[in-house]
Amino acid sequence: MNLGKESKAYMQVATNLVLNTSFLVSISIIFNLYFQKIQRQKVIYKLLGGVILGLAGIVLMTISLKLPNDVIFDTRSILISISGLFYGFLPTSIAAAIVIGYRVFLGGPGTITGIAVTLSSAALGILWRFIRKNPENLSKLEYYGFGVVNHIIMLLCIFLLPKSMIDETLRTITLPVLTIYPIGTLILCLIITYERRSLQTERSLSESEVRFQAVCERAPVGIIVGIPGRIIYANSEYSNILGLSLETIKSVSWKTY
């Protein structure tokens, strides 16, 4: 009977943590698209990014798993650690401060533990970024290992709970946390890496197009680039030779000329 109750409790905990992780992934996809576009801009935008991450952490805490002993668990440790790894010191510091402030506001027996988890997650992400330099170039195994290390530290923070709560909390959450959280960390890292590489490819193509047009515009001969059925580029010299505007040239098939 006890085994059945424990299994049911594990399943309930695991289900709640999976849902929390799924919500985190959704938030992170949207935020990462925003951050990639502003990361080279003013500091104020990075501060804003930190505020957005902090608010995301608050949302995660509002849908957290609450154990019978009133200790809450959610995926803010993943959010904050990955912020440190990919987004750096400033946004992560702002996000961690907001998350800690809200955790203090909530109160309860797990407050000190919650603060410790947030600080350790932020510190680990920032330190890992400092040592490894380019987080988007890490292997899948390292992303997973990063998640494992982060959440072993998280479990160690459980010992900051009142002594009467430590055993029960560890029995309830150790297996789900070490199973689900590293996988969630891996998935999130892969998503961010994919989006970064896609944006980098897009920028490279855009820069190549600009360079190509610059060379063609300086050429003393007419140049056109076409695909079956239409012209997609013509330089100014080609326009001068024909005595037509670029818009007119592009509006018809290259075979016309």
C-alpha atoms as a PDB file:
ATOM      1  CA  MET A   1       0.000   0.000   0.000  1.00  0.00           C
ATOM      2  CA  ASN A   2       2.783   2.446   0.926  1.00  0.00           C
ATOM      3  CA  LEU A   3       4.634   1.561  -2.278  1.00  0.00           C
ATOM      4  CA  GLY A   4       1.522   2.366  -4.291  1.00  0.00           C
ATOM      5  CA  LYS A   5       1.089   5.697  -2.560  1.00  0.00           C
ATOM      6  CA  GLU A   6       4.751   6.585  -3.127  1.00  0.00           C
ATOM      7  CA  SER A   7       4.509   5.683  -6.811  1.00  0.00           C
ATOM      8  CA  LYS A   8       1.408   7.835  -7.177  1.00  0.00           C
ATOM      9  CA  ALA A   9       3.154  10.701  -5.406  1.00  0.00           C
ATOM     10  CA  TYR A  10       6.195  10.380  -7.682  1.00  0.00           C
ATOM     11  CA  MET A  11       3.953  10.434 -10.761  1.00  0.00           C
ATOM     12  CA  GLN A  12       2.135  13.532  -9.525  1.00  0.00           C
ATOM     13  CA  VAL A  13       5.404  15.315  -8.815  1.00  0.00           C
ATOM     14  CA  ALA A  14       6.864  14.272 -12.182  1.00  0.00           C
ATOM     15  CA  THR A  15       3.750  15.405 -14.072  1.00  0.00           C
ATOM     16  CA  ASN A  16       3.783  18.814 -12.392  1.00  0.00           C
ATOM     17  CA  LEU A  17       7.476  19.304 -13.096  1.00  0.00           C
ATOM     18  CA  VAL A  18       7.077  18.277 -16.754  1.00  0.00           C
ATOM     19  CA  LEU A  19       4.257  20.808 -17.185  1.00  0.00           C
ATOM     20  CA  ASN A  20       6.378  23.486 -15.495  1.00  0.00           C
ATOM     21  CA  THR A  21       9.302  22.621 -17.768  1.00  0.00           C
ATOM     22  CA  SER A  22       7.100  22.767 -20.882  1.00  0.00           C
ATOM     23  CA  PHE A  23       5.888  26.222 -19.914  1.00  0.00           C
ATOM     24  CA  LEU A  24       9.489  27.305 -19.354  1.00  0.00           C
ATOM     25  CA  VAL A  25      10.466  26.113 -22.834  1.00  0.00           C
ATOM     26  CA  SER A  26       7.632  28.138 -24.379  1.00  0.00           C
ATOM     27  CA  ILE A  27       8.678  31.295 -22.530  1.00  0.00           C
ATOM     28  CA  SER A  28      12.324  30.805 -23.417  1.00  0.00           C
ATOM     29  CA  ILE A  29      11.700  30.368 -27.150  1.00  0.00           C
ATOM     30  CA  ILE A  30       9.894  33.716 -27.280  1.00  0.00           C
ATOM     31  CA  PHE A  31      12.470  35.488 -25.109  1.00  0.00           C
ATOM     32  CA  ASN A  32      15.443  34.116 -27.011  1.00  0.00           C
ATOM     33  CA  LEU A  33      14.102  35.490 -30.293  1.00  0.00           C
ATOM     34  CA  TYR A  34      13.877  38.898 -28.614  1.00  0.00           C
ATOM     35  CA  PHE A  35      17.316  38.706 -26.993  1.00  0.00           C
ATOM     36  CA  GLN A  36      19.130  37.659 -30.145  1.00  0.00           C
ATOM     37  CA  LYS A  37      17.948  40.848 -31.843  1.00  0.00           C
ATOM     38  CA  ILE A  38      19.006  43.200 -29.028  1.00  0.00           C
ATOM     39  CA  GLN A  39      22.186  41.611 -27.684  1.00  0.00           C
ATOM     40  CA  ARG A  40      24.434  43.984 -29.663  1.00  0.00           C
ATOM     41  CA  GLN A  41      22.463  47.078 -28.702  1.00  0.00           C
ATOM     42  CA  LYS A  42      22.295  49.385 -25.664  1.00  0.00           C
ATOM     43  CA  VAL A  43      22.632  48.213 -22.076  1.00  0.00           C
ATOM     44  CA  ILE A  44      19.076  49.374 -21.380  1.00  0.00           C
ATOM     45  CA  TYR A  45      17.744  46.598 -23.595  1.00  0.00           C
ATOM     46  CA  LYS A  46      19.758  44.011 -21.706  1.00  0.00           C
ATOM     47  CA  LEU A  47      18.356  45.387 -18.464  1.00  0.00           C
ATOM     48  CA  LEU A  48      14.895  45.015 -19.953  1.00  0.00           C
ATOM     49  CA  GLY A  49      15.761  41.447 -20.927  1.00  0.00           C
ATOM     50  CA  GLY A  50      16.700  40.735 -17.305  1.00  0.00           C
ATOM     51  CA  VAL A  51      13.371  42.152 -16.128  1.00  0.00           C
ATOM     52  CA  ILE A  52      11.508  39.942 -18.614  1.00  0.00           C
ATOM     53  CA  LEU A  53      13.399  36.870 -17.388  1.00  0.00           C
ATOM     54  CA  GLY A  54      12.651  37.823 -13.786  1.00  0.00           C
ATOM     55  CA  LEU A  55       8.947  38.139 -14.546  1.00  0.00           C
ATOM     56  CA  ALA A  56       9.092  34.756 -16.281  1.00  0.00           C
ATOM     57  CA  GLY A  57      10.580  33.339 -13.064  1.00  0.00           C
ATOM     58  CA  ILE A  58       7.684  34.801 -11.081  1.00  0.00           C
ATOM     59  CA  VAL A  59       5.190  33.176 -13.453  1.00  0.00           C
ATOM     60  CA  LEU A  60       6.959  29.829 -12.973  1.00  0.00           C
ATOM     61  CA  MET A  61       6.648  30.210  -9.200  1.00  0.00           C
ATOM     62  CA  THR A  62       2.920  30.889  -9.473  1.00  0.00           C
ATOM     63  CA  ILE A  63       2.423  27.493 -11.131  1.00  0.00           C
ATOM     64  CA  SER A  64       4.956  25.680  -8.945  1.00  0.00           C
ATOM     65  CA  LEU A  65       4.580  22.281  -7.335  1.00  0.00           C
ATOM     66  CA  LYS A  66       3.679  22.608  -3.645  1.00  0.00           C
ATOM     67  CA  LEU A  67       4.607  19.694  -1.421  1.00  0.00           C
ATOM     68  CA  PRO A  68       2.563  18.718   1.667  1.00  0.00           C
ATOM     69  CA  ASN A  69       5.200  20.401   3.880  1.00  0.00           C
ATOM     70  CA  ASP A  70       4.600  23.725   2.015  1.00  0.00           C
ATOM     71  CA  VAL A  71       7.927  23.650   0.154  1.00  0.00           C
ATOM     72  CA  ILE A  72       7.521  24.737  -3.487  1.00  0.00           C
ATOM     73  CA  PHE A  73       9.405  23.517  -6.550  1.00  0.00           C
ATOM     74  CA  ASP A  74       9.478  24.832 -10.105  1.00  0.00           C
ATOM     75  CA  THR A  75      11.891  25.230 -13.003  1.00  0.00           C
ATOM     76  CA  ARG A  76      13.332  28.653 -12.155  1.00  0.00           C
ATOM     77  CA  SER A  77      16.680  26.910 -11.531  1.00  0.00           C
ATOM     78  CA  ILE A  78      16.748  25.953 -15.225  1.00  0.00           C
ATOM     79  CA  LEU A  79      15.703  29.447 -16.301  1.00  0.00           C
ATOM     80  CA  ILE A  80      18.313  31.257 -14.217  1.00  0.00           C
ATOM     81  CA  SER A  81      21.197  28.881 -14.965  1.00  0.00           C
ATOM     82  CA  ILE A  82      20.594  28.981 -18.723  1.00  0.00           C
ATOM     83  CA  SER A  83      20.263  32.759 -18.560  1.00  0.00           C
ATOM     84  CA  GLY A  84      23.728  32.885 -17.016  1.00  0.00           C
ATOM     85  CA  LEU A  85      25.110  30.477 -19.595  1.00  0.00           C
ATOM     86  CA  PHE A  86      23.725  32.165 -22.726  1.00  0.00           C
ATOM     87  CA  TYR A  87      22.820  35.742 -21.817  1.00  0.00           C
ATOM     88  CA  GLY A  88      25.564  36.712 -19.387  1.00  0.00           C
ATOM     89  CA  PHE A  89      25.981  38.559 -16.120  1.00  0.00           C
ATOM     90  CA  LEU A  90      23.744  41.613 -16.436  1.00  0.00           C
ATOM     91  CA  PRO A  91      20.388  40.092 -17.514  1.00  0.00           C
ATOM     92  CA  THR A  92      20.935  37.151 -15.167  1.00  0.00           C
ATOM     93  CA  SER A  93      21.695  39.350 -12.166  1.00  0.00           C
ATOM     94  CA  ILE A  94      18.536  41.387 -12.753  1.00  0.00           C
ATOM     95  CA  ALA A  95      16.439  38.248 -13.215  1.00  0.00           C
ATOM     96  CA  ALA A  96      17.880  36.589 -10.099  1.00  0.00           C
ATOM     97  CA  ALA A  97      17.217  39.699  -7.991  1.00  0.00           C
ATOM     98  CA  ILE A  98      13.575  39.805  -9.108  1.00  0.00           C
ATOM     99  CA  VAL A  99      13.081  36.087  -8.505  1.00  0.00           C
ATOM    100  CA  ILE A 100      14.676  36.298  -5.051  1.00  0.00           C
ATOM    101  CA  GLY A 101      12.550  39.303  -4.154  1.00  0.00           C
ATOM    102  CA  TYR A 102       9.361  37.458  -5.056  1.00  0.00           C
ATOM    103  CA  ARG A 103      10.491  34.331  -3.222  1.00  0.00           C
ATOM    104  CA  VAL A 104      11.070  36.393  -0.064  1.00  0.00           C
ATOM    105  CA  PHE A 105       7.614  37.905  -0.537  1.00  0.00           C
ATOM    106  CA  LEU A 106       6.052  34.420  -0.667  1.00  0.00           C
ATOM    107  CA  GLY A 107       7.796  33.403   2.546  1.00  0.00           C
ATOM    108  CA  GLY A 108       7.438  29.910   4.010  1.00  0.00           C
ATOM    109  CA  PRO A 109       9.889  27.310   5.297  1.00  0.00           C
ATOM    110  CA  GLY A 110      11.712  27.009   1.960  1.00  0.00           C
ATOM    111  CA  THR A 111      12.607  30.672   1.571  1.00  0.00           C
ATOM    112  CA  ILE A 112      16.306  30.318   2.402  1.00  0.00           C
ATOM    113  CA  THR A 113      16.553  27.240   0.203  1.00  0.00           C
ATOM    114  CA  GLY A 114      14.830  29.066  -2.666  1.00  0.00           C
ATOM    115  CA  ILE A 115      17.228  31.983  -2.413  1.00  0.00           C
ATOM    116  CA  ALA A 116      20.216  29.628  -2.334  1.00  0.00           C
ATOM    117  CA  VAL A 117      18.976  27.726  -5.395  1.00  0.00           C
ATOM    118  CA  THR A 118      18.521  30.954  -7.367  1.00  0.00           C
ATOM    119  CA  LEU A 119      21.960  32.287  -6.417  1.00  0.00           C
ATOM    120  CA  SER A 120      23.735  28.987  -7.113  1.00  0.00           C
ATOM    121  CA  SER A 121      21.975  28.576 -10.489  1.00  0.00           C
ATOM    122  CA  ALA A 122      22.931  32.096 -11.552  1.00  0.00           C
ATOM    123  CA  ALA A 123      26.519  31.675 -10.369  1.00  0.00           C
ATOM    124  CA  LEU A 124      26.929  28.312 -12.107  1.00  0.00           C
ATOM    125  CA  GLY A 125      25.601  29.608 -15.425  1.00  0.00           C
ATOM    126  CA  ILE A 126      27.761  32.731 -15.368  1.00  0.00           C
ATOM    127  CA  LEU A 127      30.852  30.757 -14.316  1.00  0.00           C
ATOM    128  CA  TRP A 128      30.293  28.115 -17.006  1.00  0.00           C
ATOM    129  CA  ARG A 129      29.940  30.863 -19.607  1.00  0.00           C
ATOM    130  CA  PHE A 130      33.149  32.536 -18.380  1.00  0.00           C
ATOM    131  CA  ILE A 131      35.126  29.286 -18.587  1.00  0.00           C
ATOM    132  CA  ARG A 132      33.692  27.889 -21.822  1.00  0.00           C
ATOM    133  CA  LYS A 133      33.356  31.263 -23.654  1.00  0.00           C
ATOM    134  CA  ASN A 134      31.020  30.171 -26.476  1.00  0.00           C
ATOM    135  CA  PRO A 135      28.070  28.248 -24.996  1.00  0.00           C
ATOM    136  CA  GLU A 136      26.431  27.637 -28.380  1.00  0.00           C
ATOM    137  CA  ASN A 137      29.410  25.450 -29.360  1.00  0.00           C
ATOM    138  CA  LEU A 138      29.088  23.016 -26.459  1.00  0.00           C
ATOM    139  CA  SER A 139      28.132  19.389 -27.009  1.00  0.00           C
ATOM    140  CA  LYS A 140      24.790  17.851 -26.097  1.00  0.00           C
ATOM    141  CA  LEU A 141      26.543  15.828 -23.408  1.00  0.00           C
ATOM    142  CA  GLU A 142      27.946  18.982 -21.830  1.00  0.00           C
ATOM    143  CA  TYR A 143      24.536  20.674 -21.849  1.00  0.00           C
ATOM    144  CA  TYR A 144      23.108  17.640 -20.091  1.00  0.00           C
ATOM    145  CA  GLY A 145      26.027  17.536 -17.659  1.00  0.00           C
ATOM    146  CA  PHE A 146      25.495  21.232 -16.937  1.00  0.00           C
ATOM    147  CA  GLY A 147      21.897  20.445 -15.994  1.00  0.00           C
ATOM    148  CA  VAL A 148      22.956  17.546 -13.781  1.00  0.00           C
ATOM    149  CA  VAL A 149      25.554  19.615 -11.899  1.00  0.00           C
ATOM    150  CA  ASN A 150      23.108  22.479 -11.427  1.00  0.00           C
ATOM    151  CA  HIS A 151      20.462  20.255  -9.917  1.00  0.00           C
ATOM    152  CA  ILE A 152      22.798  18.269  -7.711  1.00  0.00           C
ATOM    153  CA  ILE A 153      23.682  21.653  -6.213  1.00  0.00           C
ATOM    154  CA  MET A 154      19.953  22.374  -5.976  1.00  0.00           C
ATOM    155  CA  LEU A 155      19.404  19.161  -4.014  1.00  0.00           C
ATOM    156  CA  LEU A 156      22.266  20.085  -1.690  1.00  0.00           C
ATOM    157  CA  CYS A 157      20.433  23.342  -0.968  1.00  0.00           C
ATOM    158  CA  ILE A 158      17.588  21.225   0.440  1.00  0.00           C
ATOM    159  CA  PHE A 159      19.743  20.778   3.551  1.00  0.00           C
ATOM    160  CA  LEU A 160      19.047  24.442   4.340  1.00  0.00           C
ATOM    161  CA  LEU A 161      15.443  23.485   5.117  1.00  0.00           C
ATOM    162  CA  PRO A 162      14.356  22.868   8.702  1.00  0.00           C
ATOM    163  CA  LYS A 163      15.710  19.447   9.722  1.00  0.00           C
ATOM    164  CA  SER A 164      12.245  17.930  10.063  1.00  0.00           C
ATOM    165  CA  MET A 165      11.537  18.588   6.359  1.00  0.00           C
ATOM    166  CA  ILE A 166      14.772  17.460   4.738  1.00  0.00           C
ATOM    167  CA  ASP A 167      14.201  13.699   4.503  1.00  0.00           C
ATOM    168  CA  GLU A 168      10.626  13.956   3.251  1.00  0.00           C
ATOM    169  CA  THR A 169      11.541  16.571   0.646  1.00  0.00           C
ATOM    170  CA  LEU A 170      14.538  14.647  -0.666  1.00  0.00           C
ATOM    171  CA  ARG A 171      12.532  11.414  -0.914  1.00  0.00           C
ATOM    172  CA  THR A 172       9.821  13.170  -2.891  1.00  0.00           C
ATOM    173  CA  ILE A 173      11.757  15.255  -5.371  1.00  0.00           C
ATOM    174  CA  THR A 174      15.248  13.743  -5.860  1.00  0.00           C
ATOM    175  CA  LEU A 175      14.321  11.228  -8.574  1.00  0.00           C
ATOM    176  CA  PRO A 176      11.988  13.520 -10.574  1.00  0.00           C
ATOM    177  CA  VAL A 177      14.433  16.441 -10.376  1.00  0.00           C
ATOM    178  CA  LEU A 178      17.472  14.437 -11.506  1.00  0.00           C
ATOM    179  CA  THR A 179      15.417  12.827 -14.275  1.00  0.00           C
ATOM    180  CA  ILE A 180      13.425  15.751 -15.671  1.00  0.00           C
ATOM    181  CA  TYR A 181      15.472  18.892 -15.004  1.00  0.00           C
ATOM    182  CA  PRO A 182      18.678  17.898 -16.849  1.00  0.00           C
ATOM    183  CA  ILE A 183      16.581  16.842 -19.865  1.00  0.00           C
ATOM    184  CA  GLY A 184      14.720  20.157 -19.715  1.00  0.00           C
ATOM    185  CA  THR A 185      18.064  21.952 -19.549  1.00  0.00           C
ATOM    186  CA  LEU A 186      19.348  20.026 -22.584  1.00  0.00           C
ATOM    187  CA  ILE A 187      16.216  20.747 -24.639  1.00  0.00           C
ATOM    188  CA  LEU A 188      16.313  24.438 -23.818  1.00  0.00           C
ATOM    189  CA  CYS A 189      20.026  24.712 -24.652  1.00  0.00           C
ATOM    190  CA  LEU A 190      19.467  23.026 -28.017  1.00  0.00           C
ATOM    191  CA  ILE A 191      16.567  25.338 -28.852  1.00  0.00           C
ATOM    192  CA  ILE A 192      18.585  28.453 -27.996  1.00  0.00           C
ATOM    193  CA  THR A 193      21.586  27.154 -29.934  1.00  0.00           C
ATOM    194  CA  TYR A 194      19.454  26.391 -33.004  1.00  0.00           C
ATOM    195  CA  GLU A 195      17.877  29.859 -32.937  1.00  0.00           C
ATOM    196  CA  ARG A 196      21.285  31.523 -32.527  1.00  0.00           C
ATOM    197  CA  ARG A 197      22.780  29.642 -35.445  1.00  0.00           C
ATOM    198  CA  SER A 198      19.755  30.359 -37.639  1.00  0.00           C
ATOM    199  CA  LEU A 199      19.986  34.070 -36.879  1.00  0.00           C
ATOM    200  CA  GLN A 200      23.739  34.030 -37.489  1.00  0.00           C
ATOM    201  CA  THR A 201      23.188  32.356 -40.867  1.00  0.00           C
ATOM    202  CA  GLU A 202      20.538  34.941 -41.723  1.00  0.00           C
ATOM    203  CA  ARG A 203      22.910  37.777 -40.825  1.00  0.00           C
ATOM    204  CA  SER A 204      25.752  36.222 -42.819  1.00  0.00           C
ATOM    205  CA  LEU A 205      23.555  35.884 -45.885  1.00  0.00           C
ATOM    206  CA  SER A 206      22.376  39.469 -45.507  1.00  0.00           C
ATOM    207  CA  GLU A 207      25.961  40.734 -45.201  1.00  0.00           C
ATOM    208  CA  SER A 208      27.027  38.670 -48.224  1.00  0.00           C
ATOM    209  CA  GLU A 209      24.174  40.153 -50.245  1.00  0.00           C
ATOM    210  CA  VAL A 210      25.235  43.678 -49.293  1.00  0.00           C
ATOM    211  CA  ARG A 211      28.849  42.970 -50.291  1.00  0.00           C
ATOM    212  CA  PHE A 212      27.744  41.405 -53.570  1.00  0.00           C
ATOM    213  CA  GLN A 213      25.588  44.415 -54.464  1.00  0.00           C
ATOM    214  CA  ALA A 214      28.408  46.811 -53.551  1.00  0.00           C
ATOM    215  CA  VAL A 215      30.815  45.020 -55.915  1.00  0.00           C
ATOM    216  CA  CYS A 216      28.258  44.847 -58.716  1.00  0.00           C
ATOM    217  CA  GLU A 217      27.355  48.544 -58.428  1.00  0.00           C
ATOM    218  CA  ARG A 218      31.011  49.472 -58.946  1.00  0.00           C
ATOM    219  CA  ALA A 219      31.412  47.191 -61.961  1.00  0.00           C
ATOM    220  CA  PRO A 220      31.866  48.967 -65.367  1.00  0.00           C
ATOM    221  CA  VAL A 221      29.652  46.378 -67.098  1.00  0.00           C
ATOM    222  CA  GLY A 222      25.989  45.492 -66.898  1.00  0.00           C
ATOM    223  CA  ILE A 223      25.168  42.635 -64.529  1.00  0.00           C
ATOM    224  CA  ILE A 224      21.888  40.852 -63.945  1.00  0.00           C
ATOM    225  CA  VAL A 225      20.944  37.940 -61.699  1.00  0.00           C
ATOM    226  CA  GLY A 226      17.891  35.973 -62.616  1.00  0.00           C
ATOM    227  CA  ILE A 227      15.881  32.895 -61.841  1.00  0.00           C
ATOM    228  CA  PRO A 228      13.597  31.133 -64.335  1.00  0.00           C
ATOM    229  CA  GLY A 229      10.953  33.633 -65.352  1.00  0.00           C
ATOM    230  CA  ARG A 230      12.241  36.862 -63.789  1.00  0.00           C
ATOM    231  CA  ILE A 231      15.188  39.074 -62.885  1.00  0.00           C
ATOM    232  CA  ILE A 232      15.923  39.463 -59.188  1.00  0.00           C
ATOM    233  CA  TYR A 233      18.849  41.900 -59.467  1.00  0.00           C
ATOM    234  CA  ALA A 234      20.283  44.326 -62.002  1.00  0.00           C
ATOM    235  CA  ASN A 235      23.055  46.818 -61.379  1.00  0.00           C
ATOM    236  CA  SER A 236      22.939  50.508 -62.288  1.00  0.00           C
ATOM    237  CA  GLU A 237      25.206  50.071 -65.336  1.00  0.00           C
ATOM    238  CA  TYR A 238      22.796  47.517 -66.821  1.00  0.00           C
ATOM    239  CA  SER A 239      19.963  50.002 -66.276  1.00  0.00           C
ATOM    240  CA  ASN A 240      21.974  52.740 -68.005  1.00  0.00           C
ATOM    241  CA  ILE A 241      22.762  50.524 -70.992  1.00  0.00           C
ATOM    242  CA  LEU A 242      19.084  49.739 -71.564  1.00  0.00           C
ATOM    243  CA  GLY A 243      17.845  53.187 -70.585  1.00  0.00           C
ATOM    244  CA  LEU A 244      15.241  51.613 -68.293  1.00  0.00           C
ATOM    245  CA  SER A 245      14.598  51.880 -64.594  1.00  0.00           C
ATOM    246  CA  LEU A 246      15.563  48.983 -62.314  1.00  0.00           C
ATOM    247  CA  GLU A 247      11.886  48.455 -61.455  1.00  0.00           C
ATOM    248  CA  THR A 248      10.984  48.058 -65.124  1.00  0.00           C
ATOM    249  CA  ILE A 249      13.843  45.641 -65.733  1.00  0.00           C
ATOM    250  CA  LYS A 250      12.818  43.467 -62.787  1.00  0.00           C
ATOM    251  CA  SER A 251       9.180  43.398 -63.835  1.00  0.00           C
ATOM    252  CA  VAL A 252       9.781  41.258 -66.929  1.00  0.00           C
ATOM    253  CA  SER A 253      11.609  38.029 -67.821  1.00  0.00           C
ATOM    254  CA  TRP A 254      15.348  38.208 -68.419  1.00  0.00           C
ATOM    255  CA  LYS A 255      14.731  36.613 -71.837  1.00  0.00           C
ATOM    256  CA  THR A 256      13.190  39.922 -72.921  1.00  0.00           C
ATOM    257  CA  TYR A 257      16.659  41.464 -72.946  1.00  0.00           C
END
